[in-house]
Each structure stands twice: as C-alpha cells, then as structure tokens.
C-alpha cells in the first residue's frame, strides 16, 4: 500500500460499513472483501462491506422498523442530525446487500434474497427492490461499533470519509460473497488470522481495518461482540498523523502521548508507523493484541 501525502481540504463524506460476523468451529470469523485493484478508494485492499451515504437513503427512513429518535440515540452522535443518523443505518444495510448479497430484512427467506439480488442486477434501486418484495429493513440487526474520520493529512486515500462502523451477525439462511464488480474476492477469517495474513504480506489492510480486527480478536464469539456493542457508546477515532524526524509517517490514535485526546478509544497499539509499504505497530505483530 503506497503512502499518500496529499493534504485534503474537503469535508469528509458520510459513509457506513458493516462488519459481518459468524461463529465457526475454531472461533469468531469476520467477512472481508478485496476491493477491485482499479478502485480509487483502497484499491486491492481487504475491507468490510460499505460505502458512501446516498441522497436516496433518506427516502427509506419512513419505512424503517425503529423510530428515527431511537436510531439517533443508538448511534451516539448527539451533534449529528437525526435524519443523517437514520440514513447511516439505511446506507449500512444497502451497502452490505449491494457488495455481499446479504439482506438484513425482517423475515427474508433465501428465495426472497435471491429475488432481491436478481432485481438489483436488473438495475432496480434498493428502495424498489424492498417494495417489490414487500420487505422491511431490520435495523435491530446492525449495532454501532465505532466511528472513523479521515484526517486532512492523507496517508492511504486522497478522499476523506466520516464512516460509521456497525457490527452484525451473519443471517443463518444466507451466503455472503463478493459482487465481482467493486470487489473481486471475499473470505471469512478469524480476526487474528486476517492480521497474520496482513503481517505475512498476503493481504493488504488499511489502518481502520487493522485496528478494528485487533479489537475483534479479543472476542471469542459473535455474542461477545454484540454484547460489547450494546453496552458502550461507539468511540470516535480521529487519527492524528505526523512525520517523524526521518520523514516516516506515523498515525496516532486517542490515548497516544502525541494525540490531543488522552483517553484511549480502542485496545491495542495507540500508533501505527509506515514501513514495508504498509502501516504496522512499532513493537511488532504481538503489539496488536496486548
């Protein structure tokens, strides 16, 4: 992953992503997509399904299964407009369906999911797909997990995003797979195994994914992750980058001595340093899990 040293003056775009989880024989697994190599955002990297909030997402707010006020409160952003908070949920559910084929809708059968996928492939919009199949989005299935805001000093992308990360259990009757358009490969991996593959140079990960996987590696089950999500307010992570005396880029997170926020927001290292064409913890692989 090449270092980007662009200074971005534009405001961040609102976005949402879903960390899909399942319990496997050897422990908790997370679903990852490989972004198309020509993508202008994290091309070739492994990410969670997600993307920008669209203006059309607001049109579905009136059809959600929870009041806007409840979604606004759950997101934990009192300074964010209630409509935008609800749109974050819509975008999360829309993006995870478009990119992985998983539809979080009440009572959706495998046959209905297949129909929805076919309709989407025929060019029907997300709202139209739900209307035709008489399905209602299940906002209870996705829980706010964290919020990441790209700094103005770029490191991995020339675009800024204000991304809400949600966690969700994989529906039992569905199968997740990449769309062969925005993503070219997909895989279920234990969080530590995904980080091991990144450390071994087998896959590329951006810093938010590295830190999120390190956090998830501390959990043994889906229930454990969801319990933590229900019991806390999603932390706001605004990385603060700087270049050291050698010109090496360092990303600092809340709790680091160089960060303006003294309280930790995440477990794991409080900084990542650019080296070997990627960001990595200063004290080696095991520092991700201390």
Protein backbone atom coordinates (compact mmCIF):
# COMPACT_ATOMS: atom_id res chain seq x y z
CA UNK A 1 0.00 0.00 0.00
CA UNK A 2 1.62 3.22 -1.17
CA UNK A 3 1.76 6.18 1.18
CA UNK A 4 -0.34 9.17 0.12
CA UNK A 5 0.93 12.57 1.26
CA UNK A 6 -1.92 14.67 -0.13
CA UNK A 7 -3.49 17.39 2.01
CA UNK A 8 -7.27 17.13 1.66
CA UNK A 9 -9.20 20.36 2.18
CA UNK A 10 -12.68 18.98 1.50
CA UNK A 11 -15.06 17.95 4.31
CA UNK A 12 -15.35 14.19 4.90
CA UNK A 13 -18.14 12.29 3.14
CA UNK A 14 -20.57 10.46 5.39
CA UNK A 15 -20.25 6.69 4.99
CA UNK A 16 -21.21 3.42 6.66
CA UNK A 17 -19.71 -0.05 6.80
CA UNK A 18 -20.83 -3.37 8.27
CA UNK A 19 -18.53 -5.84 10.00
CA UNK A 20 -20.32 -9.15 9.43
CA UNK A 21 -19.54 -11.86 11.97
CA UNK A 22 -20.16 -15.57 12.36
CA UNK A 23 -19.27 -18.31 14.84
CA UNK A 24 -17.12 -21.03 13.26
CA UNK A 25 -15.67 -24.26 14.73
CA UNK A 26 -12.38 -22.52 15.51
CA UNK A 27 -13.89 -19.29 16.78
CA UNK A 28 -15.20 -15.91 15.66
CA UNK A 29 -14.84 -15.06 11.96
CA UNK A 30 -15.25 -11.80 10.05
CA UNK A 31 -16.18 -11.28 6.39
CA UNK A 32 -13.70 -9.36 4.23
CA UNK A 33 -13.90 -8.17 0.62
CA UNK A 34 -10.97 -7.42 -1.65
CA UNK A 35 -11.54 -4.08 -3.34
CA UNK A 36 -11.07 -4.01 -7.10
CA UNK A 37 -7.48 -3.08 -7.92
CA UNK A 38 -8.65 -0.10 -10.02
CA UNK A 39 -10.83 1.33 -7.26
CA UNK A 40 -9.94 4.91 -6.33
CA UNK A 41 -10.53 4.10 -2.65
CA UNK A 42 -8.30 1.39 -1.13
CA UNK A 43 -7.90 -0.46 -4.41
CA UNK A 44 -6.63 -4.01 -3.80
CA UNK A 45 -7.10 -3.83 -0.02
CA UNK A 46 -9.33 -6.08 2.07
CA UNK A 47 -12.21 -4.17 3.68
CA UNK A 48 -15.60 -4.63 5.29
CA UNK A 49 -18.63 -4.06 3.02
CA UNK A 50 -19.59 -0.40 2.97
CA UNK A 51 -19.66 2.89 1.13
CA UNK A 52 -20.93 6.46 0.97
CA UNK A 53 -24.34 7.57 2.16
CA UNK A 54 -26.52 8.44 -0.86
CA UNK A 55 -29.26 11.05 -1.03
CA UNK A 56 -31.70 8.23 -1.85
CA UNK A 57 -31.03 6.60 1.54
CA UNK A 58 -33.13 9.24 3.28
CA UNK A 59 -36.17 8.14 1.24
CA UNK A 60 -36.27 4.85 3.16
CA UNK A 61 -36.22 6.39 6.63
CA UNK A 62 -40.01 6.39 6.91
CA UNK A 63 -40.08 2.63 6.29
CA UNK A 64 -37.59 1.65 8.99
CA UNK A 65 -38.55 -0.61 11.88
CA UNK A 66 -37.39 1.80 14.59
CA UNK A 67 -38.23 5.45 15.20
CA UNK A 68 -35.66 7.93 13.94
CA UNK A 69 -35.12 9.16 17.51
CA UNK A 70 -34.18 5.65 18.66
CA UNK A 71 -31.67 5.20 15.84
CA UNK A 72 -30.23 8.64 16.53
CA UNK A 73 -29.76 7.79 20.19
CA UNK A 74 -28.19 4.39 19.44
CA UNK A 75 -25.66 5.91 17.06
CA UNK A 76 -24.35 8.01 19.94
CA UNK A 77 -23.84 11.22 17.99
CA UNK A 78 -25.94 13.96 19.63
CA UNK A 79 -24.49 16.63 17.33
CA UNK A 80 -25.48 14.71 14.18
CA UNK A 81 -28.87 15.44 12.63
CA UNK A 82 -31.41 12.72 13.37
CA UNK A 83 -32.18 12.18 9.67
CA UNK A 84 -28.49 11.69 8.89
CA UNK A 85 -28.18 9.21 11.76
CA UNK A 86 -31.05 7.16 10.34
CA UNK A 87 -29.54 7.41 6.85
CA UNK A 88 -26.36 5.83 8.24
CA UNK A 89 -28.38 2.73 9.09
CA UNK A 90 -30.01 2.65 5.66
CA UNK A 91 -26.66 3.07 3.92
CA UNK A 92 -25.09 0.33 6.02
CA UNK A 93 -27.86 -2.13 5.13
CA UNK A 94 -27.92 -1.09 1.47
CA UNK A 95 -24.16 -1.32 1.02
CA UNK A 96 -23.82 -4.69 2.68
CA UNK A 97 -26.52 -6.04 0.36
CA UNK A 98 -25.04 -4.49 -2.77
CA UNK A 99 -21.50 -5.65 -2.01
CA UNK A 100 -22.04 -9.04 -0.36
CA UNK A 101 -25.58 -10.11 -1.26
CA UNK A 102 -26.63 -10.29 2.38
CA UNK A 103 -30.01 -8.71 3.05
CA UNK A 104 -30.89 -7.71 6.60
CA UNK A 105 -34.68 -7.57 6.28
CA UNK A 106 -37.39 -8.96 8.55
CA UNK A 107 -38.38 -12.48 7.58
CA UNK A 108 -36.34 -12.52 4.37
CA UNK A 109 -36.15 -16.07 3.03
CA UNK A 110 -33.33 -17.47 0.91
CA UNK A 111 -35.68 -17.31 -2.10
CA UNK A 112 -36.51 -13.65 -1.47
CA UNK A 113 -32.83 -12.78 -1.10
CA UNK A 114 -32.18 -14.47 -4.45
CA UNK A 115 -35.03 -12.48 -5.99
CA UNK A 116 -33.69 -9.27 -4.49
CA UNK A 117 -30.23 -9.98 -5.90
CA UNK A 118 -31.74 -10.61 -9.34
CA UNK A 119 -33.74 -7.38 -9.22
CA UNK A 120 -30.66 -5.42 -8.19
CA UNK A 121 -28.75 -6.95 -11.11
CA UNK A 122 -31.53 -5.81 -13.45
CA UNK A 123 -30.93 -2.22 -12.41
CA UNK A 124 -33.65 -1.75 -9.80
CA UNK A 125 -32.75 0.55 -6.92
CA UNK A 126 -32.60 -0.67 -3.33
CA UNK A 127 -35.88 1.00 -2.35
CA UNK A 128 -37.65 -0.52 -5.35
CA UNK A 129 -36.28 -3.99 -4.53
CA UNK A 130 -37.67 -3.79 -0.99
CA UNK A 131 -41.01 -2.51 -2.25
CA UNK A 132 -41.43 -5.25 -4.85
CA UNK A 133 -40.70 -7.98 -2.31
CA UNK A 134 -42.63 -6.27 0.50
CA UNK A 135 -39.62 -6.42 2.82
CA UNK A 136 -38.73 -4.12 5.70
CA UNK A 137 -35.16 -3.40 6.75
CA UNK A 138 -34.03 -4.85 10.08
CA UNK A 139 -32.15 -2.02 11.80
CA UNK A 140 -32.00 -4.06 15.02
CA UNK A 141 -29.56 -6.43 13.28
CA UNK A 142 -26.78 -3.85 12.96
CA UNK A 143 -25.23 -2.29 16.05
CA UNK A 144 -22.99 0.81 16.06
CA UNK A 145 -19.38 -0.16 16.82
CA UNK A 146 -17.11 2.79 16.10
CA UNK A 147 -16.77 5.99 14.08
CA UNK A 148 -13.68 6.78 11.99
CA UNK A 149 -12.93 10.19 10.46
CA UNK A 150 -10.17 10.50 7.85
CA UNK A 151 -7.68 13.26 8.74
CA UNK A 152 -6.89 16.10 6.35
CA UNK A 153 -3.31 14.84 6.06
CA UNK A 154 -3.86 11.82 3.82
CA UNK A 155 -1.99 8.55 4.29
CA UNK A 156 -3.85 5.82 2.37
CA UNK A 157 -6.53 7.68 0.39
CA UNK A 158 -6.97 11.03 -1.33
CA UNK A 159 -10.57 11.19 -0.10
CA UNK A 160 -11.97 11.87 3.35
CA UNK A 161 -14.76 9.89 4.98
CA UNK A 162 -16.74 10.04 8.21
CA UNK A 163 -17.51 6.34 8.50
CA UNK A 164 -19.80 4.64 10.97
CA UNK A 165 -18.78 1.03 11.61
CA UNK A 166 -21.61 -1.37 12.51
CA UNK A 167 -21.33 -5.00 13.67
CA UNK A 168 -23.86 -7.66 12.71
CA UNK A 169 -24.32 -11.42 12.94
CA UNK A 170 -24.44 -13.22 9.59
CA UNK A 171 -28.03 -14.39 8.89
CA UNK A 172 -28.29 -18.17 9.09
CA UNK A 173 -30.17 -18.68 5.80
CA UNK A 174 -27.90 -16.52 3.64
CA UNK A 175 -24.48 -16.71 1.99
CA UNK A 176 -22.07 -13.81 1.67
CA UNK A 177 -19.98 -13.36 -1.44
CA UNK A 178 -18.30 -10.54 -3.39
CA UNK A 179 -20.15 -8.83 -6.24
CA UNK A 180 -17.38 -9.26 -8.87
CA UNK A 181 -17.68 -5.52 -9.60
CA UNK A 182 -16.48 -3.39 -6.71
CA UNK A 183 -14.91 -6.43 -5.03
CA UNK A 184 -13.06 -9.27 -6.74
CA UNK A 185 -12.54 -11.71 -3.85
CA UNK A 186 -14.06 -12.42 -0.44
CA UNK A 187 -13.15 -14.53 2.56
CA UNK A 188 -14.20 -15.42 6.10
CA UNK A 189 -11.28 -15.26 8.52
CA UNK A 190 -10.68 -15.15 12.23
CA UNK A 191 -9.55 -11.61 13.12
CA UNK A 192 -6.11 -12.75 14.24
CA UNK A 193 -5.71 -14.90 11.11
CA UNK A 194 -6.57 -11.92 8.91
CA UNK A 195 -3.97 -9.84 10.73
CA UNK A 196 -1.43 -12.66 10.37
CA UNK A 197 -2.02 -12.71 6.61
CA UNK A 198 -1.52 -8.94 6.51
CA UNK A 199 1.67 -9.30 8.55
CA UNK A 200 2.92 -12.02 6.19
CA UNK A 201 2.25 -9.78 3.17
CA UNK A 202 -0.53 -11.96 1.78
CA UNK A 203 -3.27 -9.32 2.00
CA UNK A 204 -3.36 -5.52 2.28
CA UNK A 205 -5.25 -3.80 5.09
CA UNK A 206 -5.85 -0.10 5.76
CA UNK A 207 -5.33 1.24 9.30
CA UNK A 208 -9.05 1.27 10.32
CA UNK A 209 -9.32 -2.39 9.35
CA UNK A 210 -6.08 -3.25 11.17
CA UNK A 211 -7.23 -1.62 14.38
CA UNK A 212 -10.77 -2.98 14.11
CA UNK A 213 -9.54 -6.54 13.59
CA UNK A 214 -7.18 -6.16 16.55
CA UNK A 215 -10.18 -5.11 18.64
CA UNK A 216 -12.33 -8.01 17.40
CA UNK A 217 -9.50 -10.50 18.06
CA UNK A 218 -10.22 -10.05 21.76
CA UNK A 219 -13.64 -11.67 21.35
CA UNK A 220 -14.38 -15.39 21.15
CA UNK A 221 -17.92 -15.23 19.77
CA UNK A 222 -20.48 -13.15 17.92
CA UNK A 223 -22.49 -12.81 21.13
CA UNK A 224 -19.48 -11.31 22.89
CA UNK A 225 -19.01 -8.64 20.20
CA UNK A 226 -22.69 -7.74 20.14
CA UNK A 227 -22.80 -7.53 23.93
CA UNK A 228 -19.93 -5.03 23.91
CA UNK A 229 -21.63 -3.03 21.17
CA UNK A 230 -24.85 -2.82 23.18
CA UNK A 231 -23.01 -1.82 26.33
CA UNK A 232 -21.00 1.15 25.13
CA UNK A 233 -21.18 4.31 23.08
CA UNK A 234 -19.30 3.96 19.76
CA UNK A 235 -15.88 5.60 20.14
CA UNK A 236 -14.90 8.43 17.83
CA UNK A 237 -11.49 7.80 16.26
CA UNK A 238 -9.86 10.75 14.54
CA UNK A 239 -6.29 9.67 13.70
CA UNK A 240 -3.65 12.38 14.06
CA UNK A 241 -0.76 11.80 11.64
CA UNK A 242 2.70 13.30 11.75
CA UNK A 243 6.03 12.74 10.03
CA UNK A 244 8.92 11.93 12.39
CA UNK A 245 12.50 13.23 12.11
CA UNK A 246 13.19 10.68 9.36
CA UNK A 247 10.13 11.68 7.34
CA UNK A 248 8.28 8.48 8.29
CA UNK A 249 4.52 8.81 8.60
CA UNK A 250 3.04 7.87 11.98
CA UNK A 251 -0.67 7.59 12.77
CA UNK A 252 -1.62 8.32 16.37
CA UNK A 253 -4.91 7.27 17.99
CA UNK A 254 -6.67 8.51 21.13
CA UNK A 255 -4.60 7.66 24.19
CA UNK A 256 -1.25 8.14 22.45
CA UNK A 257 1.06 10.77 24.00
CA UNK A 258 1.03 12.68 20.70
CA UNK A 259 -2.78 12.64 20.33
CA UNK A 260 -4.89 15.53 21.58
CA UNK A 261 -7.39 13.08 23.14
CA UNK A 262 -5.77 11.49 26.17
CA UNK A 263 -8.34 8.76 26.83
CA UNK A 264 -7.95 5.50 24.89
CA UNK A 265 -10.71 4.69 22.39
CA UNK A 266 -9.51 1.24 21.33
CA UNK A 267 -7.49 -1.69 22.66
CA UNK A 268 -4.16 -2.43 21.02
CA UNK A 269 -1.39 -0.04 19.98
CA UNK A 270 -2.01 3.70 20.07
CA UNK A 271 0.01 4.31 16.92
CA UNK A 272 0.92 2.72 13.61
CA UNK A 273 4.08 3.54 11.67
CA UNK A 274 4.51 3.32 7.90
CA UNK A 275 7.12 0.78 6.89
CA UNK A 276 7.44 -2.09 4.42
CA UNK A 277 4.82 -0.31 2.26
CA UNK A 278 2.15 -0.61 4.93
CA UNK A 279 1.18 0.68 8.37
CA UNK A 280 2.23 -1.55 11.25
CA UNK A 281 2.64 -1.35 15.04
CA UNK A 282 6.04 -0.13 16.20
CA UNK A 283 6.57 -3.08 18.57
CA UNK A 284 5.75 -5.89 16.15
CA UNK A 285 2.82 -8.16 15.45
CA UNK A 286 2.04 -9.12 19.04
CA UNK A 287 1.58 -5.44 19.96
CA UNK A 288 -1.80 -5.67 18.19
CA UNK A 289 -3.10 -7.96 20.94
CA UNK A 290 -1.64 -6.54 24.16
